[in-house]
Amino acid sequence: KLPCNNDMSSDIVPSKLKVVELRDALSSRGLDSVGLKAELVQRLEEALAAEAATAATTAAAAATAAAASSSAAASATATIDEGKEEAAELEALLNEPTELSATTKAAALSTDAAAVAEVDAAAVAAAEAKKAAEAKAAKAAAEAAELLNIERLKQRANRFGGSVSSVLQTAEALEKKRKRAERFGADAPIADVAALSVVPGKATGAASSQRASIDARLSASLNDKVFRAPKRAKQQQQKKKKGQQQQQQQQKQQGQKKKNRNRNRNNN
């Protein structure tokens, strides 16, 4: 029997073999061994040619893989060398002593000065805001005290059956004027309201002047709360109502436009 080794297949000459040898060679390769000698010879020659082509292809692939592996190894080695050189350069740069130039130092000092100035400005603004808030709180507290004083005077007048304070008399007069203005639809005269707070014969000299000043300030505060505040509230309410009416009108117009567009679309 003939071996089917690929190394020995090139030494086989099918035309010189006997029929038995041809059949053994074909059987060892898993091929059909039935037929005439000429058919067996042709079948074996084709098998040997296929084996030779396969061996050549395998050798070429192995050679290509070896070349690629060698090229990849060379490229990796070159990359490692480049990385080592870059690392060495970076280490050298890091180890070099550095000094700030005069321009850099001046720029840094200028930046620090600007930052300090900005902080100072912020501190000044915060102090001013604090003062304004304190003044506003003091004003609100004074107004609350005035209102509380008026309420106490009203309670005292109800208790003793009469109004004995000029401040309370001023408040009552202003309330009457406000009601009159609401009734007849005109602003009541308020130019001489401060004069209403002075009651002759109650105090004299410095005490009278101080009482008049206090009553004048209370009258001004009451004048703002009794007359101007309701008027401002009424104006704001009218403005709000007008804005709502305009908004409703706009919504109505938009709805009408939408209906017209839908009608035109349906007609088309």
C-alpha atoms as a PDB file:
ATOM      1  CA  LYS A   1       0.000   0.000   0.000  1.00  0.00           C
ATOM      2  CA  LEU A   2       1.089   3.559  -0.796  1.00  0.00           C
ATOM      3  CA  PRO A   3       1.226   6.130   2.016  1.00  0.00           C
ATOM      4  CA  CYS A   4      -0.863   9.306   1.633  1.00  0.00           C
ATOM      5  CA  ASN A   5       1.693  11.649   3.097  1.00  0.00           C
ATOM      6  CA  ASN A   6       1.750  15.048   1.394  1.00  0.00           C
ATOM      7  CA  ASP A   7       5.573  15.058   1.386  1.00  0.00           C
ATOM      8  CA  MET A   8       5.615  11.789  -0.586  1.00  0.00           C
ATOM      9  CA  SER A   9       2.674  12.585  -2.904  1.00  0.00           C
ATOM     10  CA  SER A  10       4.983  14.442  -5.291  1.00  0.00           C
ATOM     11  CA  ASP A  11       7.022  11.239  -5.784  1.00  0.00           C
ATOM     12  CA  ILE A  12       4.002   9.191  -6.916  1.00  0.00           C
ATOM     13  CA  VAL A  13       3.485   8.717 -10.656  1.00  0.00           C
ATOM     14  CA  PRO A  14      -0.087   7.408 -11.124  1.00  0.00           C
ATOM     15  CA  SER A  15       0.502   6.125 -14.670  1.00  0.00           C
ATOM     16  CA  LYS A  16       3.263   3.766 -13.453  1.00  0.00           C
ATOM     17  CA  LEU A  17       1.195   2.216 -10.661  1.00  0.00           C
ATOM     18  CA  LYS A  18      -0.782  -0.961 -10.860  1.00  0.00           C
ATOM     19  CA  VAL A  19      -4.552  -1.048 -10.531  1.00  0.00           C
ATOM     20  CA  VAL A  20      -4.314  -2.429  -6.990  1.00  0.00           C
ATOM     21  CA  GLU A  21      -1.895   0.336  -5.993  1.00  0.00           C
ATOM     22  CA  LEU A  22      -4.123   2.976  -7.586  1.00  0.00           C
ATOM     23  CA  ARG A  23      -7.164   1.707  -5.696  1.00  0.00           C
ATOM     24  CA  ASP A  24      -5.216   1.656  -2.405  1.00  0.00           C
ATOM     25  CA  ALA A  25      -4.001   5.223  -2.992  1.00  0.00           C
ATOM     26  CA  LEU A  26      -7.547   6.418  -3.760  1.00  0.00           C
ATOM     27  CA  SER A  27      -9.036   4.564  -0.792  1.00  0.00           C
ATOM     28  CA  SER A  28      -6.445   6.036   1.588  1.00  0.00           C
ATOM     29  CA  ARG A  29      -7.545   9.508   0.431  1.00  0.00           C
ATOM     30  CA  GLY A  30     -11.251   8.678   0.846  1.00  0.00           C
ATOM     31  CA  LEU A  31     -11.902   8.686  -2.910  1.00  0.00           C
ATOM     32  CA  ASP A  32     -13.849   6.283  -5.087  1.00  0.00           C
ATOM     33  CA  SER A  33     -11.649   3.295  -6.152  1.00  0.00           C
ATOM     34  CA  VAL A  34     -14.046   1.695  -8.633  1.00  0.00           C
ATOM     35  CA  GLY A  35     -13.474   2.000 -12.382  1.00  0.00           C
ATOM     36  CA  LEU A  36     -11.038   1.374 -15.187  1.00  0.00           C
ATOM     37  CA  LYS A  37      -7.319   2.030 -14.831  1.00  0.00           C
ATOM     38  CA  ALA A  38      -7.485   5.202 -16.897  1.00  0.00           C
ATOM     39  CA  GLU A  39     -10.255   6.579 -14.683  1.00  0.00           C
ATOM     40  CA  LEU A  40      -8.297   5.633 -11.551  1.00  0.00           C
ATOM     41  CA  VAL A  41      -5.128   7.307 -12.889  1.00  0.00           C
ATOM     42  CA  GLN A  42      -7.003  10.526 -13.729  1.00  0.00           C
ATOM     43  CA  ARG A  43      -8.742  10.541 -10.352  1.00  0.00           C
ATOM     44  CA  LEU A  44      -5.439  10.088  -8.494  1.00  0.00           C
ATOM     45  CA  GLU A  45      -3.660  12.785 -10.545  1.00  0.00           C
ATOM     46  CA  GLU A  46      -6.429  15.262  -9.668  1.00  0.00           C
ATOM     47  CA  ALA A  47      -6.141  14.368  -5.974  1.00  0.00           C
ATOM     48  CA  LEU A  48      -2.344  14.779  -6.036  1.00  0.00           C
ATOM     49  CA  ALA A  49      -2.678  18.168  -7.782  1.00  0.00           C
ATOM     50  CA  ALA A  50      -5.181  19.342  -5.143  1.00  0.00           C
ATOM     51  CA  GLU A  51      -2.845  18.209  -2.350  1.00  0.00           C
ATOM     52  CA  ALA A  52       0.056  20.102  -3.914  1.00  0.00           C
ATOM     53  CA  ALA A  53      -2.025  23.307  -4.235  1.00  0.00           C
ATOM     54  CA  THR A  54      -3.138  23.047  -0.612  1.00  0.00           C
ATOM     55  CA  ALA A  55       0.438  22.570   0.573  1.00  0.00           C
ATOM     56  CA  ALA A  56       1.577  25.633  -1.423  1.00  0.00           C
ATOM     57  CA  THR A  57      -1.244  27.785  -0.001  1.00  0.00           C
ATOM     58  CA  THR A  58      -0.426  26.717   3.571  1.00  0.00           C
ATOM     59  CA  ALA A  59       3.243  27.530   3.111  1.00  0.00           C
ATOM     60  CA  ALA A  60       2.453  30.971   1.682  1.00  0.00           C
ATOM     61  CA  ALA A  61       0.099  31.764   4.586  1.00  0.00           C
ATOM     62  CA  ALA A  62       2.721  30.694   7.105  1.00  0.00           C
ATOM     63  CA  ALA A  63       5.323  32.896   5.431  1.00  0.00           C
ATOM     64  CA  THR A  64       2.920  35.904   5.436  1.00  0.00           C
ATOM     65  CA  ALA A  65       2.084  35.409   9.114  1.00  0.00           C
ATOM     66  CA  ALA A  66       5.767  35.204  10.000  1.00  0.00           C
ATOM     67  CA  ALA A  67       6.489  38.424   8.093  1.00  0.00           C
ATOM     68  CA  ALA A  68       3.558  40.225   9.770  1.00  0.00           C
ATOM     69  CA  SER A  69       4.673  39.057  13.207  1.00  0.00           C
ATOM     70  CA  SER A  70       8.194  40.305  12.566  1.00  0.00           C
ATOM     71  CA  SER A  71       6.886  43.685  11.364  1.00  0.00           C
ATOM     72  CA  ALA A  72       4.593  44.061  14.422  1.00  0.00           C
ATOM     73  CA  ALA A  73       7.468  43.232  16.752  1.00  0.00           C
ATOM     74  CA  ALA A  74       9.664  45.851  15.068  1.00  0.00           C
ATOM     75  CA  SER A  75       6.900  48.467  15.268  1.00  0.00           C
ATOM     76  CA  ALA A  76       6.277  47.722  18.954  1.00  0.00           C
ATOM     77  CA  THR A  77       9.969  48.043  19.681  1.00  0.00           C
ATOM     78  CA  ALA A  78      10.104  51.412  17.911  1.00  0.00           C
ATOM     79  CA  THR A  79       7.060  52.663  19.829  1.00  0.00           C
ATOM     80  CA  ILE A  80       8.608  51.614  23.149  1.00  0.00           C
ATOM     81  CA  ASP A  81      11.815  53.428  22.264  1.00  0.00           C
ATOM     82  CA  GLU A  82       9.897  56.606  21.359  1.00  0.00           C
ATOM     83  CA  GLY A  83       7.947  56.428  24.634  1.00  0.00           C
ATOM     84  CA  LYS A  84      11.186  56.089  26.598  1.00  0.00           C
ATOM     85  CA  GLU A  85      12.654  59.131  24.833  1.00  0.00           C
ATOM     86  CA  GLU A  86       9.544  61.247  25.516  1.00  0.00           C
ATOM     87  CA  ALA A  87       9.538  60.184  29.172  1.00  0.00           C
ATOM     88  CA  ALA A  88      13.178  61.142  29.504  1.00  0.00           C
ATOM     89  CA  GLU A  89      12.529  64.572  27.929  1.00  0.00           C
ATOM     90  CA  LEU A  90       9.551  65.171  30.238  1.00  0.00           C
ATOM     91  CA  GLU A  91      11.546  64.176  33.304  1.00  0.00           C
ATOM     92  CA  ALA A  92      14.315  66.555  32.269  1.00  0.00           C
ATOM     93  CA  LEU A  93      11.812  69.409  31.886  1.00  0.00           C
ATOM     94  CA  LEU A  94      10.303  68.678  35.296  1.00  0.00           C
ATOM     95  CA  ASN A  95      13.716  68.656  36.951  1.00  0.00           C
ATOM     96  CA  GLU A  96      14.725  72.026  35.473  1.00  0.00           C
ATOM     97  CA  PRO A  97      14.487  74.909  38.003  1.00  0.00           C
ATOM     98  CA  THR A  98      11.848  77.505  37.031  1.00  0.00           C
ATOM     99  CA  GLU A  99      11.632  81.147  38.055  1.00  0.00           C
ATOM    100  CA  LEU A 100       8.772  83.587  37.574  1.00  0.00           C
ATOM    101  CA  SER A 101       9.605  86.485  35.293  1.00  0.00           C
ATOM    102  CA  ALA A 102       9.088  90.088  36.360  1.00  0.00           C
ATOM    103  CA  THR A 103       6.108  90.410  34.022  1.00  0.00           C
ATOM    104  CA  THR A 104       4.467  87.305  35.504  1.00  0.00           C
ATOM    105  CA  LYS A 105       5.032  88.561  39.049  1.00  0.00           C
ATOM    106  CA  ALA A 106       3.587  91.988  38.161  1.00  0.00           C
ATOM    107  CA  ALA A 107       0.546  90.368  36.571  1.00  0.00           C
ATOM    108  CA  ALA A 108      -0.010  88.237  39.675  1.00  0.00           C
ATOM    109  CA  LEU A 109       0.266  91.279  41.962  1.00  0.00           C
ATOM    110  CA  SER A 110      -2.163  93.209  39.749  1.00  0.00           C
ATOM    111  CA  THR A 111      -4.631  90.340  39.899  1.00  0.00           C
ATOM    112  CA  ASP A 112      -4.360  90.231  43.702  1.00  0.00           C
ATOM    113  CA  ALA A 113      -4.952  94.003  43.942  1.00  0.00           C
ATOM    114  CA  ALA A 114      -8.027  93.757  41.708  1.00  0.00           C
ATOM    115  CA  ALA A 115      -9.376  90.908  43.839  1.00  0.00           C
ATOM    116  CA  VAL A 116      -8.838  92.929  47.037  1.00  0.00           C
ATOM    117  CA  ALA A 117     -10.585  95.947  45.503  1.00  0.00           C
ATOM    118  CA  GLU A 118     -13.511  93.781  44.437  1.00  0.00           C
ATOM    119  CA  VAL A 119     -13.815  92.352  47.953  1.00  0.00           C
ATOM    120  CA  ASP A 120     -13.710  95.856  49.456  1.00  0.00           C
ATOM    121  CA  ALA A 121     -16.414  97.065  47.061  1.00  0.00           C
ATOM    122  CA  ALA A 122     -18.586  94.082  47.955  1.00  0.00           C
ATOM    123  CA  ALA A 123     -18.110  94.814  51.667  1.00  0.00           C
ATOM    124  CA  VAL A 124     -19.095  98.474  51.179  1.00  0.00           C
ATOM    125  CA  ALA A 125     -22.185  97.460  49.177  1.00  0.00           C
ATOM    126  CA  ALA A 126     -23.171  94.969  51.894  1.00  0.00           C
ATOM    127  CA  ALA A 127     -22.772  97.647  54.608  1.00  0.00           C
ATOM    128  CA  GLU A 128     -24.921 100.104  52.653  1.00  0.00           C
ATOM    129  CA  ALA A 129     -27.584  97.445  52.074  1.00  0.00           C
ATOM    130  CA  LYS A 130     -27.554  96.666  55.800  1.00  0.00           C
ATOM    131  CA  LYS A 131     -27.993 100.358  56.672  1.00  0.00           C
ATOM    132  CA  ALA A 132     -30.876 100.684  54.198  1.00  0.00           C
ATOM    133  CA  ALA A 133     -32.556  97.579  55.634  1.00  0.00           C
ATOM    134  CA  GLU A 134     -32.145  98.895  59.192  1.00  0.00           C
ATOM    135  CA  ALA A 135     -33.614 102.275  58.188  1.00  0.00           C
ATOM    136  CA  LYS A 136     -36.554 100.562  56.493  1.00  0.00           C
ATOM    137  CA  ALA A 137     -37.152  98.381  59.554  1.00  0.00           C
ATOM    138  CA  ALA A 138     -37.003 101.421  61.850  1.00  0.00           C
ATOM    139  CA  LYS A 139     -39.520 103.273  59.673  1.00  0.00           C
ATOM    140  CA  ALA A 140     -41.870 100.283  59.680  1.00  0.00           C
ATOM    141  CA  ALA A 141     -41.543  99.999  63.454  1.00  0.00           C
ATOM    142  CA  ALA A 142     -42.321 103.726  63.869  1.00  0.00           C
ATOM    143  CA  GLU A 143     -45.423 103.411  61.688  1.00  0.00           C
ATOM    144  CA  ALA A 144     -46.563 100.379  63.656  1.00  0.00           C
ATOM    145  CA  ALA A 145     -46.032 102.286  66.892  1.00  0.00           C
ATOM    146  CA  GLU A 146     -48.074 105.198  65.562  1.00  0.00           C
ATOM    147  CA  LEU A 147     -50.943 102.918  64.606  1.00  0.00           C
ATOM    148  CA  LEU A 148     -50.755 101.194  67.991  1.00  0.00           C
ATOM    149  CA  ASN A 149     -50.810 104.577  69.729  1.00  0.00           C
ATOM    150  CA  ILE A 150     -53.915 105.575  67.754  1.00  0.00           C
ATOM    151  CA  GLU A 151     -55.661 102.321  68.658  1.00  0.00           C
ATOM    152  CA  ARG A 152     -54.878 102.920  72.342  1.00  0.00           C
ATOM    153  CA  LEU A 153     -56.236 106.439  72.095  1.00  0.00           C
ATOM    154  CA  LYS A 154     -59.445 105.112  70.552  1.00  0.00           C
ATOM    155  CA  GLN A 155     -59.817 102.591  73.336  1.00  0.00           C
ATOM    156  CA  ARG A 156     -59.213 105.336  75.926  1.00  0.00           C
ATOM    157  CA  ALA A 157     -61.778 107.602  74.278  1.00  0.00           C
ATOM    158  CA  ASN A 158     -64.374 104.812  74.249  1.00  0.00           C
ATOM    159  CA  ARG A 159     -63.620 104.059  77.869  1.00  0.00           C
ATOM    160  CA  PHE A 160     -63.924 107.616  79.189  1.00  0.00           C
ATOM    161  CA  GLY A 161     -66.644 108.706  76.773  1.00  0.00           C
ATOM    162  CA  GLY A 162     -64.827 111.344  74.723  1.00  0.00           C
ATOM    163  CA  SER A 163     -61.843 112.177  72.557  1.00  0.00           C
ATOM    164  CA  VAL A 164     -59.192 114.150  74.496  1.00  0.00           C
ATOM    165  CA  SER A 165     -56.170 113.597  72.209  1.00  0.00           C
ATOM    166  CA  SER A 166     -55.305 115.857  69.280  1.00  0.00           C
ATOM    167  CA  VAL A 167     -53.870 112.858  67.417  1.00  0.00           C
ATOM    168  CA  LEU A 168     -57.127 110.961  67.742  1.00  0.00           C
ATOM    169  CA  GLN A 169     -59.074 114.053  66.709  1.00  0.00           C
ATOM    170  CA  THR A 170     -56.874 114.322  63.622  1.00  0.00           C
ATOM    171  CA  ALA A 171     -57.483 110.681  62.795  1.00  0.00           C
ATOM    172  CA  GLU A 172     -61.221 111.121  63.166  1.00  0.00           C
ATOM    173  CA  ALA A 173     -61.176 114.208  60.960  1.00  0.00           C
ATOM    174  CA  LEU A 174     -59.211 112.400  58.267  1.00  0.00           C
ATOM    175  CA  GLU A 175     -61.605 109.451  58.426  1.00  0.00           C
ATOM    176  CA  LYS A 176     -64.566 111.813  57.917  1.00  0.00           C
ATOM    177  CA  LYS A 177     -62.852 113.407  54.922  1.00  0.00           C
ATOM    178  CA  ARG A 178     -62.167 110.003  53.423  1.00  0.00           C
ATOM    179  CA  LYS A 179     -65.786 108.959  53.779  1.00  0.00           C
ATOM    180  CA  ARG A 180     -66.908 112.264  52.265  1.00  0.00           C
ATOM    181  CA  ALA A 181     -64.547 111.774  49.313  1.00  0.00           C
ATOM    182  CA  GLU A 182     -65.878 108.236  48.735  1.00  0.00           C
ATOM    183  CA  ARG A 183     -69.465 109.489  48.957  1.00  0.00           C
ATOM    184  CA  PHE A 184     -69.202 112.468  46.592  1.00  0.00           C
ATOM    185  CA  GLY A 185     -66.467 111.052  44.319  1.00  0.00           C
ATOM    186  CA  ALA A 186     -63.891 113.789  44.939  1.00  0.00           C
ATOM    187  CA  ASP A 187     -60.631 114.024  46.819  1.00  0.00           C
ATOM    188  CA  ALA A 188     -60.946 115.761  50.161  1.00  0.00           C
ATOM    189  CA  PRO A 189     -58.625 118.752  50.816  1.00  0.00           C
ATOM    190  CA  ILE A 190     -55.632 117.545  52.799  1.00  0.00           C
ATOM    191  CA  ALA A 191     -53.266 120.505  52.572  1.00  0.00           C
ATOM    192  CA  ASP A 192     -53.918 121.744  56.107  1.00  0.00           C
ATOM    193  CA  VAL A 193     -54.239 118.401  57.827  1.00  0.00           C
ATOM    194  CA  ALA A 194     -51.265 119.066  60.092  1.00  0.00           C
ATOM    195  CA  ALA A 195     -53.056 122.109  61.511  1.00  0.00           C
ATOM    196  CA  LEU A 196     -55.840 119.861  62.779  1.00  0.00           C
ATOM    197  CA  SER A 197     -53.443 118.111  65.163  1.00  0.00           C
ATOM    198  CA  VAL A 198     -52.744 121.234  67.236  1.00  0.00           C
ATOM    199  CA  VAL A 199     -55.239 121.874  70.006  1.00  0.00           C
ATOM    200  CA  PRO A 200     -54.817 125.333  71.549  1.00  0.00           C
ATOM    201  CA  GLY A 201     -54.362 125.501  75.295  1.00  0.00           C
ATOM    202  CA  LYS A 202     -53.075 121.944  75.696  1.00  0.00           C
ATOM    203  CA  ALA A 203     -49.365 122.724  75.817  1.00  0.00           C
ATOM    204  CA  THR A 204     -47.092 125.771  75.577  1.00  0.00           C
ATOM    205  CA  GLY A 205     -43.491 126.577  74.623  1.00  0.00           C
ATOM    206  CA  ALA A 206     -41.090 123.738  73.702  1.00  0.00           C
ATOM    207  CA  ALA A 207     -43.622 121.075  74.690  1.00  0.00           C
ATOM    208  CA  SER A 208     -46.186 122.565  72.322  1.00  0.00           C
ATOM    209  CA  SER A 209     -43.672 122.693  69.474  1.00  0.00           C
ATOM    210  CA  GLN A 210     -42.615 119.083  70.065  1.00  0.00           C
ATOM    211  CA  ARG A 211     -46.249 117.941  70.283  1.00  0.00           C
ATOM    212  CA  ALA A 212     -47.047 119.812  67.076  1.00  0.00           C
ATOM    213  CA  SER A 213     -44.136 118.122  65.296  1.00  0.00           C
ATOM    214  CA  ILE A 214     -45.237 114.675  66.446  1.00  0.00           C
ATOM    215  CA  ASP A 215     -48.839 115.362  65.513  1.00  0.00           C
ATOM    216  CA  ALA A 216     -47.758 116.623  62.090  1.00  0.00           C
ATOM    217  CA  ARG A 217     -45.822 113.419  61.383  1.00  0.00           C
ATOM    218  CA  LEU A 218     -48.719 111.300  62.594  1.00  0.00           C
ATOM    219  CA  SER A 219     -51.092 113.302  60.424  1.00  0.00           C
ATOM    220  CA  ALA A 220     -48.911 112.796  57.361  1.00  0.00           C
ATOM    221  CA  SER A 221     -48.757 109.044  58.038  1.00  0.00           C
ATOM    222  CA  LEU A 222     -52.512 108.871  58.574  1.00  0.00           C
ATOM    223  CA  ASN A 223     -53.103 110.961  55.465  1.00  0.00           C
ATOM    224  CA  ASP A 224     -51.155 108.420  53.402  1.00  0.00           C
ATOM    225  CA  LYS A 225     -52.931 105.438  54.958  1.00  0.00           C
ATOM    226  CA  VAL A 226     -56.463 106.908  54.937  1.00  0.00           C
ATOM    227  CA  PHE A 227     -56.566 108.666  51.547  1.00  0.00           C
ATOM    228  CA  ARG A 228     -53.705 107.698  49.273  1.00  0.00           C
ATOM    229  CA  ALA A 229     -53.536 103.976  50.108  1.00  0.00           C
ATOM    230  CA  PRO A 230     -57.215 103.273  49.242  1.00  0.00           C
ATOM    231  CA  LYS A 231     -56.845 105.352  46.092  1.00  0.00           C
ATOM    232  CA  ARG A 232     -53.761 103.383  45.019  1.00  0.00           C
ATOM    233  CA  ALA A 233     -55.541 100.114  45.783  1.00  0.00           C
ATOM    234  CA  LYS A 234     -58.522 101.210  43.691  1.00  0.00           C
ATOM    235  CA  GLN A 235     -56.263 102.202  40.792  1.00  0.00           C
ATOM    236  CA  GLN A 236     -54.414  98.893  40.964  1.00  0.00           C
ATOM    237  CA  GLN A 237     -57.729  97.012  40.995  1.00  0.00           C
ATOM    238  CA  GLN A 238     -58.962  98.960  37.949  1.00  0.00           C
ATOM    239  CA  LYS A 239     -55.673  98.309  36.148  1.00  0.00           C
ATOM    240  CA  LYS A 240     -55.882  94.585  36.941  1.00  0.00           C
ATOM    241  CA  LYS A 241     -59.491  94.443  35.740  1.00  0.00           C
ATOM    242  CA  LYS A 242     -58.557  96.227  32.526  1.00  0.00           C
ATOM    243  CA  GLY A 243     -55.704  93.802  31.930  1.00  0.00           C
ATOM    244  CA  GLN A 244     -58.035  90.834  32.454  1.00  0.00           C
ATOM    245  CA  GLN A 245     -60.541  92.314  30.006  1.00  0.00           C
ATOM    246  CA  GLN A 246     -57.812  92.813  27.395  1.00  0.00           C
ATOM    247  CA  GLN A 247     -56.607  89.254  27.891  1.00  0.00           C
ATOM    248  CA  GLN A 248     -60.156  87.905  27.482  1.00  0.00           C
ATOM    249  CA  GLN A 249     -60.582  90.005  24.331  1.00  0.00           C
ATOM    250  CA  GLN A 250     -57.336  88.644  22.889  1.00  0.00           C
ATOM    251  CA  GLN A 251     -58.366  85.071  23.686  1.00  0.00           C
ATOM    252  CA  LYS A 252     -61.727  85.687  22.038  1.00  0.00           C
ATOM    253  CA  GLN A 253     -60.060  87.092  18.916  1.00  0.00           C
ATOM    254  CA  GLN A 254     -57.650  84.154  18.731  1.00  0.00           C
ATOM    255  CA  GLY A 255     -60.562  81.716  19.056  1.00  0.00           C
ATOM    256  CA  GLN A 256     -62.427  83.498  16.260  1.00  0.00           C
ATOM    257  CA  LYS A 257     -59.352  83.404  14.015  1.00  0.00           C
ATOM    258  CA  LYS A 258     -58.963  79.688  14.692  1.00  0.00           C
ATOM    259  CA  LYS A 259     -62.607  79.071  13.796  1.00  0.00           C
ATOM    260  CA  ASN A 260     -62.179  81.038  10.564  1.00  0.00           C
ATOM    261  CA  ARG A 261     -59.092  79.019   9.620  1.00  0.00           C
ATOM    262  CA  ASN A 262     -60.898  75.747  10.267  1.00  0.00           C
ATOM    263  CA  ARG A 263     -63.897  76.922   8.240  1.00  0.00           C
ATOM    264  CA  ASN A 264     -61.652  77.937   5.322  1.00  0.00           C
ATOM    265  CA  ARG A 265     -59.818  74.619   5.497  1.00  0.00           C
ATOM    266  CA  ASN A 266     -63.102  72.693   5.397  1.00  0.00           C
ATOM    267  CA  ASN A 267     -64.338  74.770   2.458  1.00  0.00           C
ATOM    268  CA  ASN A 268     -61.149  74.110   0.522  1.00  0.00           C
END
